[in-house]
Protein backbone atom coordinates (compact mmCIF):
# COMPACT_ATOMS: atom_id res chain seq x y z
CA MET A 1 -28.61 -3.94 16.08
CA VAL A 2 -25.17 -5.54 15.94
CA LYS A 3 -25.41 -9.28 15.26
CA LEU A 4 -21.85 -10.19 14.28
CA ILE A 5 -18.46 -8.83 15.38
CA LEU A 6 -15.29 -9.65 13.46
CA SER A 7 -11.77 -8.79 14.50
CA ASP A 8 -8.25 -9.22 13.24
CA LEU A 9 -5.96 -10.83 15.82
CA ASP A 10 -2.27 -9.78 15.64
CA GLY A 11 -1.79 -6.08 16.31
CA THR A 12 -5.53 -5.59 16.88
CA LEU A 13 -6.86 -7.85 19.65
CA VAL A 14 -3.44 -8.93 20.94
CA PRO A 15 0.23 -8.05 20.33
CA GLU A 16 1.85 -9.61 17.26
CA GLY A 17 2.36 -13.37 17.64
CA ALA A 18 0.51 -13.75 20.98
CA GLY A 19 -0.48 -17.29 21.92
CA ALA A 20 -3.52 -16.57 24.12
CA LEU A 21 -6.29 -14.05 24.77
CA PRO A 22 -6.21 -11.96 27.94
CA GLU A 23 -8.79 -13.26 30.45
CA GLU A 24 -10.74 -9.97 30.37
CA LEU A 25 -11.12 -10.14 26.60
CA PHE A 26 -12.10 -13.81 26.77
CA GLY A 27 -14.88 -12.95 29.22
CA LEU A 28 -16.07 -10.01 27.13
CA ILE A 29 -16.42 -12.16 24.01
CA ARG A 30 -18.30 -14.84 25.94
CA ALA A 31 -20.67 -12.21 27.39
CA LEU A 32 -21.40 -10.87 23.90
CA GLU A 33 -22.15 -14.37 22.65
CA ASP A 34 -24.46 -14.93 25.65
CA CYS A 35 -26.39 -11.86 24.46
CA GLY A 36 -26.82 -13.41 21.02
CA ILE A 37 -24.06 -11.49 19.25
CA ALA A 38 -21.80 -13.79 17.23
CA PHE A 39 -18.02 -13.27 17.31
CA ALA A 40 -15.48 -14.20 14.65
CA VAL A 41 -11.72 -13.81 14.57
CA SER A 42 -10.50 -13.01 11.05
CA SER A 43 -6.78 -13.51 10.57
CA GLY A 44 -4.12 -14.44 8.09
CA ARG A 45 -3.00 -17.13 10.55
CA GLN A 46 -3.89 -20.79 10.01
CA HIS A 47 -6.83 -22.44 11.76
CA ALA A 48 -4.73 -24.60 14.12
CA SER A 49 -2.92 -21.53 15.51
CA LEU A 50 -6.15 -19.56 15.96
CA ARG A 51 -7.88 -22.54 17.56
CA GLN A 52 -5.24 -22.52 20.30
CA VAL A 53 -5.67 -18.80 20.95
CA PHE A 54 -9.48 -19.11 21.11
CA ARG A 55 -9.58 -22.37 23.06
CA GLY A 56 -12.77 -22.39 25.14
CA LEU A 57 -14.74 -20.16 22.77
CA ASP A 58 -16.18 -23.07 20.82
CA GLN A 59 -19.11 -21.13 19.32
CA SER A 60 -16.92 -18.40 17.85
CA LEU A 61 -16.21 -18.54 14.13
CA ILE A 62 -12.57 -18.86 13.13
CA ILE A 63 -11.95 -17.17 9.78
CA SER A 64 -8.40 -18.11 8.86
CA LEU A 65 -6.05 -17.54 5.91
CA ASN A 66 -7.44 -14.07 5.10
CA GLY A 67 -11.03 -15.20 4.58
CA GLY A 68 -10.11 -18.39 2.77
CA CYS A 69 -11.37 -20.82 5.41
CA ILE A 70 -14.17 -20.60 8.00
CA CYS A 71 -14.56 -23.10 10.85
CA ARG A 72 -16.54 -23.47 14.05
CA GLY A 73 -14.47 -25.53 16.41
CA ASP A 74 -12.82 -28.07 14.12
CA GLU A 75 -15.73 -28.22 11.66
CA CYS A 76 -14.89 -26.58 8.32
CA LEU A 77 -17.87 -24.59 7.03
CA TYR A 78 -16.34 -22.81 4.02
CA THR A 79 -13.14 -22.79 1.99
CA ASN A 80 -11.89 -20.86 -1.04
CA PRO A 81 -8.66 -22.39 -2.44
CA MET A 82 -6.41 -20.86 -5.09
CA PRO A 83 -5.27 -22.58 -8.31
CA GLN A 84 -2.64 -25.08 -7.22
CA GLU A 85 -0.11 -24.36 -9.97
CA THR A 86 -0.36 -20.62 -9.32
CA ALA A 87 0.39 -21.26 -5.64
CA LEU A 88 3.45 -23.33 -6.53
CA ASP A 89 4.73 -20.70 -8.99
CA ILE A 90 4.44 -17.94 -6.38
CA ALA A 91 6.26 -20.05 -3.80
CA ARG A 92 9.09 -20.84 -6.26
CA GLU A 93 9.58 -17.12 -6.94
CA ILE A 94 9.69 -16.30 -3.23
CA TRP A 95 12.24 -19.06 -2.58
CA SER A 96 14.49 -17.49 -5.23
CA ILE A 97 14.73 -14.20 -3.26
CA PRO A 98 17.51 -13.84 -0.63
CA HIS A 99 16.32 -13.64 2.99
CA CYS A 100 12.79 -14.71 1.97
CA ASP A 101 10.93 -17.93 2.63
CA ALA A 102 7.44 -19.13 1.73
CA ILE A 103 4.79 -21.33 3.24
CA LEU A 104 1.93 -22.95 1.34
CA GLU A 105 -1.14 -23.13 3.55
CA THR A 106 -4.09 -25.50 3.34
CA CYS A 107 -7.01 -25.41 5.79
CA GLU A 108 -5.45 -28.23 7.83
CA GLN A 109 -1.77 -27.28 7.92
CA CYS A 110 1.02 -25.52 6.07
CA TRP A 111 3.98 -26.77 4.09
CA VAL A 112 7.56 -25.63 4.38
CA TYR A 113 10.13 -26.37 1.68
CA ALA A 114 12.81 -28.20 3.67
CA PRO A 115 15.93 -27.00 1.78
CA LYS A 116 15.21 -23.41 2.85
CA GLY A 117 12.76 -23.82 5.73
CA ALA A 118 15.09 -22.88 8.58
CA LEU A 119 14.27 -19.20 8.01
CA ILE A 120 10.60 -19.58 8.84
CA CYS A 121 10.28 -22.56 11.18
CA ARG A 122 11.18 -20.53 14.27
CA GLU A 123 8.40 -18.08 13.44
CA LEU A 124 5.86 -20.86 12.86
CA ASP A 125 6.82 -22.58 16.11
CA SER A 126 6.29 -19.36 18.04
CA ARG A 127 2.76 -19.05 16.64
CA GLY A 128 1.77 -22.64 17.31
CA TYR A 129 1.47 -23.54 13.63
CA ARG A 130 0.87 -27.06 12.37
CA TYR A 131 3.32 -27.61 9.53
CA ARG A 132 5.24 -30.23 7.59
CA LYS A 133 8.58 -29.99 5.87
CA ALA A 134 8.60 -31.16 2.25
CA GLY A 135 11.79 -32.15 0.49
CA ASP A 136 9.99 -31.81 -2.84
CA LEU A 137 6.85 -29.91 -3.81
CA SER A 138 5.32 -33.13 -5.15
CA GLU A 139 4.80 -34.10 -1.49
CA LEU A 140 2.23 -31.32 -1.03
CA GLU A 141 -1.21 -32.62 0.00
CA GLY A 142 -4.47 -30.65 0.02
CA ALA A 143 -5.71 -27.53 -1.75
CA VAL A 144 -3.61 -24.42 -1.12
CA VAL A 145 -5.68 -21.51 0.22
CA LYS A 146 -2.83 -19.07 0.88
CA VAL A 147 0.83 -18.56 0.10
CA ALA A 148 2.76 -16.34 2.51
CA CYS A 149 6.13 -14.70 2.00
CA TYR A 150 8.24 -14.22 5.12
CA ASP A 151 11.08 -11.69 4.79
CA GLU A 152 13.56 -12.20 7.61
CA SER A 153 15.28 -8.91 6.78
CA GLY A 154 12.09 -6.95 7.52
CA HIS A 155 12.20 -5.17 4.14
CA VAL A 156 8.95 -6.61 2.84
CA ALA A 157 7.54 -3.17 1.94
CA GLY A 158 10.15 -2.79 -0.78
CA LYS A 159 9.12 -6.07 -2.37
CA LEU A 160 5.36 -5.52 -2.23
CA GLU A 161 5.07 -3.44 -5.42
CA GLY A 162 6.96 -6.04 -7.43
CA PHE A 163 4.75 -8.84 -6.10
CA GLN A 164 1.62 -6.87 -6.91
CA ARG A 165 2.85 -6.11 -10.43
CA ARG A 166 3.78 -9.75 -11.04
CA TRP A 167 0.80 -11.50 -9.44
CA GLY A 168 -1.90 -8.87 -8.86
CA GLY A 169 -3.83 -9.85 -11.98
CA ARG A 170 -4.22 -13.44 -10.79
CA VAL A 171 -4.43 -13.29 -6.99
CA LYS A 172 -4.81 -10.74 -4.21
CA VAL A 173 -1.51 -9.55 -2.78
CA ALA A 174 -1.46 -7.74 0.57
CA ARG A 175 1.09 -6.82 3.18
CA SER A 176 0.10 -8.33 6.53
CA GLY A 177 2.90 -7.17 8.81
CA GLU A 178 6.48 -5.95 8.92
CA ARG A 179 7.81 -9.26 7.54
CA TRP A 180 4.82 -10.78 5.72
CA VAL A 181 3.11 -10.59 2.32
CA ASP A 182 0.04 -12.77 1.70
CA PHE A 183 -1.24 -14.19 -1.59
CA ASN A 184 -4.90 -15.34 -1.76
CA VAL A 185 -7.84 -15.53 -4.12
CA SER A 186 -9.97 -14.52 -1.13
CA ASP A 187 -9.71 -11.55 1.21
CA LYS A 188 -11.10 -10.68 4.63
CA GLY A 189 -14.03 -8.81 3.08
CA GLU A 190 -15.13 -11.95 1.26
CA GLY A 191 -14.64 -13.86 4.51
CA LEU A 192 -17.01 -11.43 6.24
CA LEU A 193 -19.66 -11.87 3.53
CA ALA A 194 -19.31 -15.67 3.69
CA ALA A 195 -19.74 -15.57 7.48
CA CYS A 196 -22.84 -13.41 7.06
CA ARG A 197 -24.34 -15.98 4.68
CA LEU A 198 -23.58 -18.82 7.09
CA LEU A 199 -25.20 -17.01 10.02
CA GLY A 200 -28.07 -15.32 8.17
CA VAL A 201 -26.78 -11.86 9.07
CA SER A 202 -26.64 -8.80 6.79
CA PRO A 203 -23.29 -6.95 6.41
CA GLU A 204 -24.97 -3.83 7.82
CA GLU A 205 -25.39 -5.70 11.13
CA THR A 206 -21.65 -6.29 11.53
CA VAL A 207 -18.78 -4.47 13.24
CA ALA A 208 -15.16 -5.16 12.29
CA PHE A 209 -11.77 -4.25 13.79
CA GLY A 210 -8.32 -4.21 12.15
CA ASP A 211 -4.91 -2.61 12.03
CA ASN A 212 -3.23 -3.53 8.74
CA LEU A 213 -3.87 -3.07 5.03
CA ASN A 214 -5.06 -6.65 4.58
CA ASP A 215 -7.94 -5.73 6.93
CA ARG A 216 -9.23 -2.98 4.62
CA PRO A 217 -11.67 -5.19 2.59
CA MET A 218 -13.24 -6.43 5.85
CA LEU A 219 -13.52 -2.93 7.30
CA ARG A 220 -15.15 -1.68 4.11
CA ALA A 221 -17.60 -4.59 3.96
CA ALA A 222 -18.73 -4.18 7.59
CA GLY A 223 -21.55 -1.98 8.79
CA GLN A 224 -19.00 -0.31 11.07
CA GLY A 225 -15.24 -0.47 10.54
CA TRP A 226 -12.82 0.41 13.36
CA VAL A 227 -9.02 0.73 13.31
CA VAL A 228 -6.84 0.59 16.42
CA ALA A 229 -4.79 3.68 17.20
CA THR A 230 -1.55 1.90 16.26
CA GLY A 231 -2.95 0.82 12.88
CA ALA A 232 -1.72 1.76 9.41
CA PRO A 233 -2.02 5.52 8.75
CA ALA A 234 -4.01 4.96 5.54
CA LEU A 235 -6.63 3.03 7.52
CA ARG A 236 -6.79 5.62 10.29
CA GLU A 237 -7.63 8.23 7.67
CA GLU A 238 -10.51 6.13 6.30
CA PHE A 239 -12.14 4.51 9.37
CA ALA A 240 -13.10 5.32 12.94
CA VAL A 241 -10.23 4.90 15.43
CA CYS A 242 -10.26 3.26 18.86
CA ALA A 243 -7.49 2.65 21.38
CA HIS A 244 -8.41 -1.06 21.51
CA PRO A 245 -11.45 -3.09 20.32
CA SER A 246 -12.41 -3.83 23.94
CA GLU A 247 -13.57 -0.24 24.49
CA VAL A 248 -16.07 -0.56 21.62
CA LEU A 249 -17.03 -4.13 22.56
CA ARG A 250 -17.99 -2.99 26.06
CA LYS A 251 -20.34 -0.37 24.60
CA ILE A 252 -21.91 -2.94 22.25
CA LEU A 253 -22.40 -5.30 25.21
CA GLU A 254 -23.98 -2.55 27.29
CA ASN A 255 -26.44 -1.70 24.50
CA ALA A 256 -27.25 -5.40 23.96
CA LYS A 257 -28.05 -5.85 27.65
CA LYS A 258 -30.35 -2.81 27.57
CA THR A 259 -32.13 -4.17 24.52
CA LEU A 260 -32.60 -7.58 26.14
CA ALA A 261 -33.94 -5.94 29.30
CA ILE A 262 -36.53 -4.03 27.28
């Protein structure tokens, strides 16, 4: 019996950077929840951005910042911050690299370093992010949960190995798109396990969907892991493949209705 469904957002449920759910998908998630199956979005995005996309689904869990923060509505249920000085050191290194910018993300908002922030602000605006520009890092408020590197040149793959070699012993480093590398102490697998504890669900009773390498810990932790057909080749070799999560969600809903009827 499936009791909890988790899904990545960008590239999995919706196209990269989308600001809203299609009406059909919105209705499908609500129908699943009406049958007693919990739904959670699990994304590297911040909570404020995800809250806009999932407006109207107030019972759904929002697992933001790669498993580092879990909320229902605007109530924070769980957070897993990284050491503050480590976060600042990573950001300083990113800011030293041409064509790269960094954001430091807390559960409430993210921080952009004003002297270089023009690179990334357009991207944050397009995703509905809540952010503040800081002229100096001493202005930072709140515990940092995630640092993200944005590479405007789109050559983030070439920088990933160096980031992993430099920081992999202290934090988790994962590519999360063509232009993004994320740094966390948490990952989406740990976010899944934390959600299970909050809801009293076992990992075996979960289904998860993803498309990128930062989804791998979540897909491995779930009872069933699915990758969309456009997902990373390494994931498609390891997990079941679907054209879109909606095709699997409809089958889960159909089985849930049969079970309730019995």
